[in-house]
Amino acid sequence: MNKKILIATFSLQIITLGLFAQTNEIVLSKAELENKIRGGWAGQTIGVTFGGPYEFRFQGSFIQDYQPLTWYPGYVREVMLNNPGLYDDLYMDLSFVDILEKYGLDAPVDSFANAFAHADYMLWHANQAARYNILSGMKAPQSGFWINNPHADDIDYQIESDFAGLMSPGMPNTASAISDKIGHIMNYGDGWYGGVFIGAMYTQAFTSSEVEVIVTNALKTIPLQSTFHHCINDVIRWYHQFPTDWQRTWFELQRKWSAETGCPDGVFQPFDIDAKLNAAFVVLGLLYGHGDFTKTLEIATRAGQDADCNPSSAGGILGTMIGYDHIPGSWMAGLKGAEDIQFKYTNMSLNKVYAISFQHAMKNIVGNGGKTSDSTVTILRQVPRSVKFEQSFPGIKPLARREINKDIDTSLTLEAEGCAFVLSGEALSRNPANPDYIFRCILYIDGQKVAAFELPTSFTRRRHELCWKYELANKQHTIRLEILNPDDRYIVRASSLLTYMPGK
């Protein structure tokens, strides 16, 4: 080879390696890192409080521009003291942070599963279904798998994955690995992808000040063939098509993506707690908010459905991007007086989690090839990689919903056509002296015993649905639920029967 060509080639290799090194590493001051982590936790707390009064009050409709949304100084403190159940986003997050603090960043999955399963706080949907599964002896990830959890595609881990992103600045694949372990405790498929995606957006908010870059880079962690990826990609596409009209993009989302097929509470109902639609509302707020904190939270809230969790995610991601010190004063006035209050059911306040989360991030940075000095951190920035493909409820679509509304004495027999069913209902107590009772039940399908299970009357230990079965032959079935230990002081009430047929 000609000497000049050889030198030029070698020089080009050096330049290429240099560019790679520049794009592969990012240096932040420790003060800046801490400020972003504080911004993330503060932003999500502000967001969930702001959206709290509108949670699922606007289903299939957005909040009109003329309707004012509540915010005033000291608002967060007031809500934390008077309505602590609103903060399920936070107390679930903090349960996982606490386990990481107690047992280290490599804590086993069972420690996370048992922590929330035995906690005193109230849970719903995929979280409660997983809690029941764990308390019944089922291990993760089976506790979140769609066969065992009719809420596998619900929003649950999506609203709890903030911690994974905040402890993984610039490291989306590390956040995905954390989410693989913890998110599958309660979710699967699109429900799990919601948490992976939100966590990845947090990681990107440390390294970019461009909202669209944060969204598009994070989406690279989600498999292209998944419906979750298709839905979020549509939001980005419609944003470019209608750049000044978030309501038009909202209408397009309703038309294409609002059909709930998983959550039994939402099928044939306007209620929609599906992860991908609500993640789309998060992205709606971020893209059309253009980095403006107020506008972002307003849009994510006005989009409706899970209107507290969505601005919480959007506020946390944007708070990470701009940093705690740049959250507008009017919003910080609402947070004033709340940062030393422990979230109910936890031993953590915001001020405590700011410090703990910063230390977890420092350990995670070093553990993934980064470096620290007295005043800076060098993050080995990761190129986002897609996680594995998985899909909940494949090959079925809703067939019918039949209202039952009947108290079961000793047994209930129903005829149901299709390839899957979910029988909704609840176990209740009429005995104030001893409200906790556990019904022992057997499920028969077409005369064959298919499951034995318990129905606790305790709200925190309850089974979210009475019974269900997927992957049945597509035909007429006889379903019989038998109660082995009936007691007049307690009730098992069947509310509705949801059936499915084969289809996409």
Protein backbone atom coordinates (compact mmCIF):
# COMPACT_ATOMS: atom_id res chain seq x y z
CA MET A 1 0.00 0.00 0.00
CA ASN A 2 1.18 3.55 -0.80
CA LYS A 3 2.74 5.12 2.32
CA LYS A 4 0.56 8.26 2.06
CA ILE A 5 -2.59 6.12 1.76
CA LEU A 6 -1.48 4.01 4.72
CA ILE A 7 -0.91 7.13 6.87
CA ALA A 8 -4.25 8.60 5.76
CA THR A 9 -6.06 5.34 6.55
CA PHE A 10 -4.42 5.10 9.96
CA SER A 11 -5.27 8.75 10.67
CA LEU A 12 -8.90 8.12 9.70
CA GLN A 13 -9.01 5.15 12.09
CA ILE A 14 -7.68 7.34 14.91
CA ILE A 15 -10.25 10.05 14.13
CA THR A 16 -13.05 7.45 14.00
CA LEU A 17 -11.99 5.96 17.33
CA GLY A 18 -11.81 9.44 18.81
CA LEU A 19 -15.32 10.27 17.65
CA PHE A 20 -16.56 6.98 19.06
CA ALA A 21 -14.95 7.73 22.40
CA GLN A 22 -16.51 11.19 22.44
CA THR A 23 -19.99 9.85 21.75
CA ASN A 24 -19.54 6.86 24.05
CA GLU A 25 -18.63 8.83 27.18
CA ILE A 26 -20.30 11.75 28.86
CA VAL A 27 -18.96 13.73 31.80
CA LEU A 28 -21.30 15.35 34.34
CA SER A 29 -20.45 17.18 37.50
CA LYS A 30 -21.71 15.39 40.59
CA ALA A 31 -23.77 18.48 41.36
CA GLU A 32 -25.44 18.27 37.95
CA LEU A 33 -26.12 14.55 38.32
CA GLU A 34 -27.64 15.06 41.73
CA ASN A 35 -29.72 17.99 40.45
CA LYS A 36 -31.16 15.86 37.65
CA ILE A 37 -32.01 12.99 40.00
CA ARG A 38 -33.75 15.40 42.37
CA GLY A 39 -35.59 16.86 39.39
CA GLY A 40 -36.79 13.40 38.37
CA TRP A 41 -38.26 12.52 41.76
CA ALA A 42 -39.69 15.99 42.33
CA GLY A 43 -41.16 16.12 38.83
CA GLN A 44 -43.03 12.85 39.15
CA THR A 45 -44.37 13.82 42.61
CA ILE A 46 -45.60 17.15 41.28
CA GLY A 47 -47.13 15.44 38.24
CA VAL A 48 -49.09 12.78 40.11
CA THR A 49 -50.42 15.34 42.58
CA PHE A 50 -51.44 17.71 39.78
CA GLY A 51 -53.31 15.00 37.87
CA GLY A 52 -54.80 13.29 40.92
CA PRO A 53 -58.28 14.90 40.82
CA TYR A 54 -58.77 13.82 37.19
CA GLU A 55 -57.64 10.17 37.39
CA PHE A 56 -59.96 8.14 35.12
CA ARG A 57 -62.61 10.84 35.24
CA PHE A 58 -62.11 11.50 31.51
CA GLN A 59 -62.42 8.20 29.65
CA GLY A 60 -62.55 8.52 25.89
CA SER A 61 -62.57 12.30 26.26
CA PHE A 62 -59.97 14.93 27.00
CA ILE A 63 -60.25 17.74 29.53
CA GLN A 64 -61.38 20.85 27.71
CA ASP A 65 -59.12 23.91 27.54
CA TYR A 66 -61.64 26.05 29.40
CA GLN A 67 -61.51 23.83 32.51
CA PRO A 68 -58.93 25.11 35.02
CA LEU A 69 -56.66 22.53 36.67
CA THR A 70 -55.92 22.87 40.38
CA TRP A 71 -52.50 23.94 41.69
CA TYR A 72 -51.47 26.20 44.56
CA PRO A 73 -48.66 26.63 47.12
CA GLY A 74 -48.40 23.73 49.58
CA TYR A 75 -50.69 21.52 47.49
CA VAL A 76 -48.43 18.44 47.55
CA ARG A 77 -48.08 18.53 51.34
CA GLU A 78 -51.85 18.78 51.71
CA VAL A 79 -52.50 15.81 49.42
CA MET A 80 -49.73 13.68 50.95
CA LEU A 81 -51.28 14.11 54.39
CA ASN A 82 -54.94 13.76 53.38
CA ASN A 83 -54.91 11.39 50.40
CA PRO A 84 -51.79 9.20 50.71
CA GLY A 85 -53.27 6.42 48.55
CA LEU A 86 -52.83 8.64 45.49
CA TYR A 87 -49.10 7.98 45.57
CA ASP A 88 -49.08 4.32 44.50
CA ASP A 89 -46.62 5.39 41.77
CA LEU A 90 -44.23 6.57 44.46
CA TYR A 91 -44.64 4.03 47.23
CA MET A 92 -44.15 1.15 44.78
CA ASP A 93 -41.05 2.88 43.40
CA LEU A 94 -39.77 3.43 46.91
CA SER A 95 -40.36 -0.20 47.90
CA PHE A 96 -37.88 -1.18 45.21
CA VAL A 97 -35.43 1.59 46.11
CA ASP A 98 -35.54 0.39 49.72
CA ILE A 99 -34.68 -3.18 48.69
CA LEU A 100 -31.75 -1.91 46.62
CA GLU A 101 -30.56 0.06 49.62
CA LYS A 102 -30.87 -2.89 52.01
CA TYR A 103 -29.54 -5.71 49.84
CA GLY A 104 -27.52 -4.03 47.09
CA LEU A 105 -27.96 -3.49 43.36
CA ASP A 106 -27.86 -7.24 42.73
CA ALA A 107 -30.68 -8.04 45.15
CA PRO A 108 -32.60 -11.17 44.03
CA VAL A 109 -35.99 -10.81 42.42
CA ASP A 110 -37.78 -12.54 45.31
CA SER A 111 -36.75 -9.75 47.67
CA PHE A 112 -38.57 -7.19 45.50
CA ALA A 113 -41.60 -9.44 44.99
CA ASN A 114 -41.98 -10.22 48.68
CA ALA A 115 -41.52 -6.59 49.71
CA PHE A 116 -44.55 -5.30 47.87
CA ALA A 117 -46.60 -8.49 48.27
CA HIS A 118 -46.45 -8.21 52.08
CA ALA A 119 -46.72 -4.42 52.27
CA ASP A 120 -49.75 -2.75 53.86
CA TYR A 121 -50.53 -0.42 50.98
CA MET A 122 -53.42 -0.81 48.59
CA LEU A 123 -52.82 -2.12 45.07
CA TRP A 124 -54.89 -2.62 41.95
CA HIS A 125 -54.75 -4.34 38.56
CA ALA A 126 -51.49 -6.08 37.60
CA ASN A 127 -49.86 -5.23 40.92
CA GLN A 128 -52.66 -6.75 42.98
CA ALA A 129 -52.94 -9.78 40.70
CA ALA A 130 -49.20 -10.33 41.09
CA ARG A 131 -49.38 -9.78 44.85
CA TYR A 132 -52.06 -12.48 45.10
CA ASN A 133 -49.98 -14.83 42.95
CA ILE A 134 -46.89 -14.30 45.10
CA LEU A 135 -48.79 -14.74 48.37
CA SER A 136 -50.22 -17.97 46.89
CA GLY A 137 -46.71 -19.31 46.29
CA MET A 138 -46.17 -18.36 42.65
CA LYS A 139 -42.74 -16.97 41.75
CA ALA A 140 -41.78 -14.20 39.34
CA PRO A 141 -41.86 -14.01 36.37
CA GLN A 142 -44.86 -16.36 36.32
CA SER A 143 -46.67 -13.94 38.67
CA GLY A 144 -46.82 -11.36 35.86
CA PHE A 145 -47.29 -13.73 32.91
CA TRP A 146 -50.55 -13.16 31.05
CA ILE A 147 -51.83 -16.71 31.56
CA ASN A 148 -51.73 -16.05 35.32
CA ASN A 149 -52.45 -12.33 35.31
CA PRO A 150 -55.36 -10.87 33.31
CA HIS A 151 -53.84 -7.41 33.85
CA ALA A 152 -50.46 -8.20 32.30
CA ASP A 153 -50.75 -5.34 29.77
CA ASP A 154 -51.91 -2.76 32.33
CA ILE A 155 -49.94 0.33 33.28
CA ASP A 156 -48.56 -0.91 36.61
CA TYR A 157 -44.81 -1.31 36.07
CA GLN A 158 -44.88 1.66 33.69
CA ILE A 159 -45.67 3.95 36.64
CA GLU A 160 -43.08 2.28 38.90
CA SER A 161 -40.04 2.08 36.63
CA ASP A 162 -38.78 5.62 37.29
CA PHE A 163 -36.23 4.34 39.80
CA ALA A 164 -34.62 2.07 37.17
CA GLY A 165 -33.99 5.01 34.84
CA LEU A 166 -32.91 7.44 37.54
CA MET A 167 -30.23 5.03 38.79
CA SER A 168 -28.98 4.36 35.23
CA PRO A 169 -28.04 7.75 33.72
CA GLY A 170 -27.15 7.35 30.05
CA MET A 171 -27.44 3.56 30.39
CA PRO A 172 -30.74 2.38 28.87
CA ASN A 173 -29.66 -1.25 28.58
CA THR A 174 -28.78 -1.35 32.26
CA ALA A 175 -32.20 0.10 33.08
CA SER A 176 -33.79 -2.55 30.82
CA ALA A 177 -31.97 -5.31 32.71
CA ILE A 178 -33.35 -3.97 36.00
CA SER A 179 -36.82 -3.81 34.45
CA ASP A 180 -36.49 -7.35 33.12
CA LYS A 181 -36.04 -8.60 36.67
CA ILE A 182 -38.53 -6.41 38.52
CA GLY A 183 -41.09 -5.49 35.83
CA HIS A 184 -41.92 -9.13 35.13
CA ILE A 185 -43.08 -9.57 38.71
CA MET A 186 -46.36 -7.91 37.72
CA ASN A 187 -46.39 -7.39 33.94
CA TYR A 188 -45.66 -8.99 30.59
CA GLY A 189 -45.70 -7.91 26.93
CA ASP A 190 -46.89 -4.36 26.36
CA GLY A 191 -47.34 -3.91 30.11
CA TRP A 192 -43.68 -4.67 30.64
CA TYR A 193 -42.60 -2.59 27.63
CA GLY A 194 -44.24 0.44 29.24
CA GLY A 195 -41.79 0.25 32.12
CA VAL A 196 -38.82 -0.43 29.86
CA PHE A 197 -39.73 2.59 27.72
CA ILE A 198 -40.31 5.01 30.61
CA GLY A 199 -37.10 3.87 32.30
CA ALA A 200 -35.19 4.36 29.05
CA MET A 201 -36.56 7.89 28.63
CA TYR A 202 -35.24 8.76 32.08
CA THR A 203 -31.78 7.45 31.11
CA GLN A 204 -31.80 9.60 27.98
CA ALA A 205 -32.95 12.69 29.90
CA PHE A 206 -29.52 12.77 31.58
CA THR A 207 -27.69 13.06 28.27
CA SER A 208 -29.97 15.09 25.97
CA SER A 209 -31.84 18.37 26.16
CA GLU A 210 -33.99 17.51 23.12
CA VAL A 211 -37.30 15.91 24.03
CA GLU A 212 -37.76 14.18 20.68
CA VAL A 213 -34.27 12.68 20.91
CA ILE A 214 -35.12 11.34 24.37
CA VAL A 215 -38.34 9.75 23.07
CA THR A 216 -36.91 8.26 19.86
CA ASN A 217 -33.77 6.89 21.53
CA ALA A 218 -35.82 5.29 24.29
CA LEU A 219 -38.14 3.69 21.73
CA LYS A 220 -35.15 1.76 20.36
CA THR A 221 -35.36 -0.44 23.46
CA ILE A 222 -38.80 -1.73 22.36
CA PRO A 223 -39.09 -4.45 19.67
CA LEU A 224 -40.16 -3.12 16.28
CA GLN A 225 -42.85 -5.80 15.85
CA SER A 226 -44.59 -5.02 19.14
CA THR A 227 -47.87 -3.12 19.25
CA PHE A 228 -46.29 -0.88 21.88
CA HIS A 229 -43.60 0.25 19.43
CA HIS A 230 -46.18 0.79 16.68
CA CYS A 231 -48.34 2.93 18.98
CA ILE A 232 -45.54 5.23 20.18
CA ASN A 233 -44.13 5.49 16.67
CA ASP A 234 -47.56 6.66 15.54
CA VAL A 235 -47.50 9.46 18.12
CA ILE A 236 -44.15 10.65 16.79
CA ARG A 237 -45.43 10.46 13.20
CA TRP A 238 -48.63 12.34 13.99
CA TYR A 239 -46.65 14.93 15.94
CA HIS A 240 -44.75 15.72 12.74
CA GLN A 241 -47.96 15.70 10.74
CA PHE A 242 -49.88 17.94 13.19
CA PRO A 243 -47.08 19.81 15.01
CA THR A 244 -49.29 22.44 16.65
CA ASP A 245 -52.40 20.37 17.41
CA TRP A 246 -52.03 17.83 20.22
CA GLN A 247 -55.78 17.27 20.25
CA ARG A 248 -55.70 16.05 16.65
CA THR A 249 -53.03 13.51 17.58
CA TRP A 250 -55.17 12.55 20.60
CA PHE A 251 -58.09 11.85 18.23
CA GLU A 252 -55.87 9.71 16.01
CA LEU A 253 -54.78 7.72 19.09
CA GLN A 254 -58.40 7.19 20.09
CA ARG A 255 -59.32 5.97 16.65
CA LYS A 256 -56.47 3.48 16.29
CA TRP A 257 -55.27 2.49 19.76
CA SER A 258 -58.08 2.87 22.31
CA ALA A 259 -59.54 -0.65 21.97
CA GLU A 260 -58.81 -2.39 25.30
CA THR A 261 -58.50 -6.16 24.92
CA GLY A 262 -56.69 -7.26 28.09
CA CYS A 263 -57.81 -5.65 31.35
CA PRO A 264 -61.21 -7.18 32.25
CA ASP A 265 -62.32 -3.85 33.73
CA GLY A 266 -61.79 -2.06 30.43
CA VAL A 267 -63.02 -4.49 27.75
CA PHE A 268 -66.36 -3.24 26.36
CA GLN A 269 -65.95 -0.19 28.62
CA PRO A 270 -64.55 3.36 28.11
CA PHE A 271 -62.05 2.70 30.93
CA ASP A 272 -58.53 2.14 29.51
CA ILE A 273 -55.55 1.41 31.73
CA ASP A 274 -53.54 -0.24 28.94
CA ALA A 275 -49.86 0.65 29.12
CA LYS A 276 -49.30 1.64 25.51
CA LEU A 277 -52.21 4.10 25.25
CA ASN A 278 -51.25 5.81 28.49
CA ALA A 279 -47.56 5.82 27.48
CA ALA A 280 -48.72 7.50 24.27
CA PHE A 281 -50.31 10.24 26.40
CA VAL A 282 -46.98 10.67 28.23
CA VAL A 283 -45.24 11.12 24.87
CA LEU A 284 -48.04 13.44 23.73
CA GLY A 285 -47.28 15.72 26.67
CA LEU A 286 -43.52 15.56 26.17
CA LEU A 287 -43.50 16.23 22.42
CA TYR A 288 -46.15 18.94 22.34
CA GLY A 289 -44.84 20.45 25.57
CA HIS A 290 -41.52 21.30 23.85
CA GLY A 291 -39.61 21.23 27.14
CA ASP A 292 -42.03 23.61 28.88
CA PHE A 293 -42.85 22.07 32.27
CA THR A 294 -46.31 23.62 32.58
CA LYS A 295 -47.41 22.82 29.06
CA THR A 296 -46.11 19.25 29.31
CA LEU A 297 -48.02 18.50 32.51
CA GLU A 298 -51.16 20.20 31.23
CA ILE A 299 -51.29 18.12 28.03
CA ALA A 300 -50.42 14.82 29.74
CA THR A 301 -53.20 15.47 32.27
CA ARG A 302 -55.81 16.78 29.83
CA ALA A 303 -55.38 13.68 27.63
CA GLY A 304 -57.41 11.76 30.23
CA GLN A 305 -57.58 8.09 31.28
CA ASP A 306 -54.78 7.58 33.87
CA ALA A 307 -54.47 11.33 34.23
CA ASP A 308 -52.34 11.29 37.37
CA CYS A 309 -49.80 8.64 36.40
CA ASN A 310 -49.21 10.09 32.93
CA PRO A 311 -48.21 13.60 34.04
CA SER A 312 -46.18 11.94 36.79
CA SER A 313 -44.09 10.10 34.18
CA ALA A 314 -43.87 13.14 31.92
CA GLY A 315 -42.98 15.44 34.83
CA GLY A 316 -40.32 13.06 36.10
CA ILE A 317 -38.65 12.69 32.72
CA LEU A 318 -38.74 16.43 32.02
CA GLY A 319 -37.63 17.20 35.58
CA THR A 320 -34.60 14.97 34.96
CA MET A 321 -33.83 16.72 31.68
CA ILE A 322 -33.99 20.28 33.04
CA GLY A 323 -32.91 19.53 36.62
CA TYR A 324 -34.48 20.34 39.98
CA ASP A 325 -33.21 23.93 39.96
CA HIS A 326 -35.02 24.67 36.70
CA ILE A 327 -38.47 23.42 37.64
CA PRO A 328 -40.55 26.62 37.56
CA GLY A 329 -41.14 28.40 40.84
CA SER A 330 -44.91 28.10 40.70
CA TRP A 331 -44.62 24.32 40.63
CA MET A 332 -41.99 24.27 43.37
CA ALA A 333 -44.30 26.36 45.53
CA GLY A 334 -46.79 23.50 45.32
CA LEU A 335 -44.06 21.12 46.51
CA LYS A 336 -43.00 23.33 49.41
CA GLY A 337 -43.27 21.69 52.81
CA ALA A 338 -43.64 18.16 51.41
CA GLU A 339 -40.08 16.98 50.87
CA ASP A 340 -39.47 15.85 54.46
CA ILE A 341 -42.79 14.01 54.79
CA GLN A 342 -42.50 10.24 54.58
CA PHE A 343 -44.73 8.69 51.96
CA LYS A 344 -47.30 6.58 53.77
CA TYR A 345 -46.39 2.88 54.06
CA THR A 346 -42.69 3.72 53.59
CA ASN A 347 -39.77 5.03 55.62
CA MET A 348 -38.77 7.43 52.85
CA SER A 349 -39.35 11.10 52.14
CA LEU A 350 -38.37 12.90 48.96
CA ASN A 351 -35.27 14.34 50.60
CA LYS A 352 -34.21 10.86 51.67
CA VAL A 353 -34.78 9.29 48.26
CA TYR A 354 -32.91 12.13 46.54
CA ALA A 355 -29.78 11.12 48.45
CA ILE A 356 -30.26 7.35 48.20
CA SER A 357 -31.03 7.45 44.48
CA PHE A 358 -27.90 9.53 43.84
CA GLN A 359 -25.77 6.91 45.60
CA HIS A 360 -27.41 4.11 43.61
CA ALA A 361 -26.68 5.98 40.39
CA MET A 362 -23.04 6.45 41.39
CA LYS A 363 -22.66 2.73 42.09
CA ASN A 364 -24.41 1.84 38.85
CA ILE A 365 -22.18 4.17 36.82
CA VAL A 366 -19.00 2.62 38.21
CA GLY A 367 -20.43 -0.89 37.93
CA ASN A 368 -21.04 -0.33 34.22
CA GLY A 369 -17.60 0.92 33.24
CA GLY A 370 -17.87 4.57 34.29
CA LYS A 371 -15.57 6.55 36.58
CA THR A 372 -15.85 9.09 39.34
CA SER A 373 -13.59 11.87 40.60
CA ASP A 374 -13.97 14.33 43.44
CA SER A 375 -16.34 16.50 41.46
CA THR A 376 -17.33 14.64 38.27
CA VAL A 377 -18.69 11.35 36.96
CA THR A 378 -17.81 9.86 33.59
CA ILE A 379 -20.67 7.76 32.25
CA LEU A 380 -20.04 5.06 29.67
CA ARG A 381 -23.06 5.89 27.58
CA GLN A 382 -24.89 2.92 26.07
CA VAL A 383 -26.43 2.61 22.61
CA PRO A 384 -30.05 1.55 23.23
CA ARG A 385 -30.73 -2.10 22.39
CA SER A 386 -34.11 -3.71 21.90
CA VAL A 387 -35.30 -6.04 24.63
CA LYS A 388 -36.86 -9.41 23.78
CA PHE A 389 -40.20 -9.66 22.01
CA GLU A 390 -43.21 -10.89 23.96
CA GLN A 391 -46.96 -10.49 23.56
CA SER A 392 -49.82 -10.91 26.00
CA PHE A 393 -53.18 -12.43 25.01
CA PRO A 394 -52.05 -13.51 21.53
CA GLY A 395 -54.61 -14.72 19.01
CA ILE A 396 -57.76 -13.73 20.92
CA LYS A 397 -60.21 -10.86 20.82
CA PRO A 398 -63.20 -9.96 23.02
CA LEU A 399 -66.45 -11.72 22.16
CA ALA A 400 -69.03 -10.66 24.76
CA ARG A 401 -69.54 -9.28 28.25
CA ARG A 402 -72.45 -10.61 30.27
CA GLU A 403 -73.56 -9.03 33.53
CA ILE A 404 -74.06 -11.61 36.32
CA ASN A 405 -74.54 -9.55 39.52
CA LYS A 406 -75.23 -12.54 41.73
CA ASP A 407 -74.14 -13.64 45.19
CA ILE A 408 -72.89 -17.23 45.15
CA ASP A 409 -74.20 -19.50 47.90
CA THR A 410 -72.28 -22.71 47.31
CA SER A 411 -71.74 -22.82 43.55
CA LEU A 412 -72.29 -20.97 40.30
CA THR A 413 -72.69 -22.62 36.89
CA LEU A 414 -72.46 -20.63 33.66
CA GLU A 415 -72.46 -21.43 29.96
CA ALA A 416 -69.81 -19.59 27.97
CA GLU A 417 -68.82 -19.74 24.33
CA GLY A 418 -65.32 -18.99 23.07
CA CYS A 419 -61.66 -19.77 23.70
CA ALA A 420 -61.14 -17.86 26.97
CA PHE A 421 -63.10 -16.27 29.80
CA VAL A 422 -62.70 -14.05 32.86
CA LEU A 423 -65.28 -14.11 35.66
CA SER A 424 -65.11 -10.84 37.60
CA GLY A 425 -66.33 -10.37 41.14
CA GLU A 426 -65.20 -10.08 44.74
CA ALA A 427 -65.21 -11.70 48.16
CA LEU A 428 -66.75 -9.48 50.85
CA SER A 429 -67.32 -9.53 54.59
CA ARG A 430 -70.58 -8.86 56.46
CA ASN A 431 -68.88 -9.52 59.77
CA PRO A 432 -67.40 -6.35 61.33
CA ALA A 433 -66.09 -8.33 64.31
CA ASN A 434 -63.89 -10.49 62.07
CA PRO A 435 -63.74 -9.06 58.54
CA ASP A 436 -61.01 -11.38 57.24
CA TYR A 437 -62.12 -14.68 55.80
CA ILE A 438 -60.72 -16.92 53.09
CA PHE A 439 -63.05 -18.86 50.81
CA ARG A 440 -61.67 -22.10 49.39
CA CYS A 441 -62.82 -22.67 45.81
CA ILE A 442 -62.59 -25.12 42.93
CA LEU A 443 -63.06 -24.26 39.25
CA TYR A 444 -64.48 -26.88 36.90
CA ILE A 445 -64.60 -26.48 33.12
CA ASP A 446 -66.70 -28.96 31.16
CA GLY A 447 -66.80 -31.21 34.20
CA GLN A 448 -63.02 -31.26 34.68
CA LYS A 449 -61.31 -29.75 37.72
CA VAL A 450 -58.84 -27.16 36.42
CA ALA A 451 -57.91 -25.10 39.49
CA ALA A 452 -58.19 -24.88 43.28
CA PHE A 453 -57.67 -21.44 44.80
CA GLU A 454 -58.60 -19.08 47.62
CA LEU A 455 -60.66 -15.89 47.69
CA PRO A 456 -59.65 -13.67 50.65
CA THR A 457 -62.08 -10.98 51.78
CA SER A 458 -59.10 -8.78 52.74
CA PHE A 459 -58.74 -5.95 50.23
CA THR A 460 -54.95 -6.05 50.30
CA ARG A 461 -54.85 -9.84 49.82
CA ARG A 462 -57.79 -10.16 47.43
CA ARG A 463 -57.87 -12.00 44.12
CA HIS A 464 -58.57 -9.31 41.53
CA GLU A 465 -60.94 -11.57 39.54
CA LEU A 466 -62.78 -14.64 40.79
CA CYS A 467 -61.39 -16.94 38.10
CA TRP A 468 -60.30 -17.08 34.48
CA LYS A 469 -58.93 -19.44 31.87
CA TYR A 470 -57.18 -18.76 28.58
CA GLU A 471 -56.17 -21.14 25.78
CA LEU A 472 -59.41 -23.13 25.75
CA ALA A 473 -60.84 -24.89 22.71
CA ASN A 474 -63.12 -22.50 20.82
CA LYS A 475 -66.52 -23.96 21.64
CA GLN A 476 -69.36 -23.88 24.16
CA HIS A 477 -68.09 -24.45 27.71
CA THR A 478 -69.72 -25.13 31.05
CA ILE A 479 -68.04 -23.21 33.88
CA ARG A 480 -68.70 -24.18 37.47
CA LEU A 481 -67.27 -22.33 40.47
CA GLU A 482 -67.70 -24.28 43.72
CA ILE A 483 -67.22 -22.83 47.21
CA LEU A 484 -66.05 -25.44 49.70
CA ASN A 485 -66.52 -23.43 52.90
CA PRO A 486 -69.51 -21.09 52.54
CA ASP A 487 -70.34 -18.86 55.49
CA ASP A 488 -73.38 -16.57 55.71
CA ARG A 489 -71.23 -13.85 57.33
CA TYR A 490 -69.21 -13.51 54.11
CA ILE A 491 -70.14 -13.20 50.44
CA VAL A 492 -68.70 -14.17 47.07
CA ARG A 493 -70.29 -11.93 44.48
CA ALA A 494 -70.00 -12.57 40.73
CA SER A 495 -70.30 -9.37 38.69
CA SER A 496 -69.67 -10.12 35.00
CA LEU A 497 -68.44 -12.76 32.56
CA LEU A 498 -66.08 -11.72 29.79
CA THR A 499 -65.53 -14.15 26.89
CA TYR A 500 -63.04 -14.21 24.01
CA MET A 501 -62.89 -15.75 20.55
CA PRO A 502 -59.96 -16.39 18.21
CA GLY A 503 -58.74 -13.32 16.36
CA LYS A 504 -56.14 -10.58 16.25
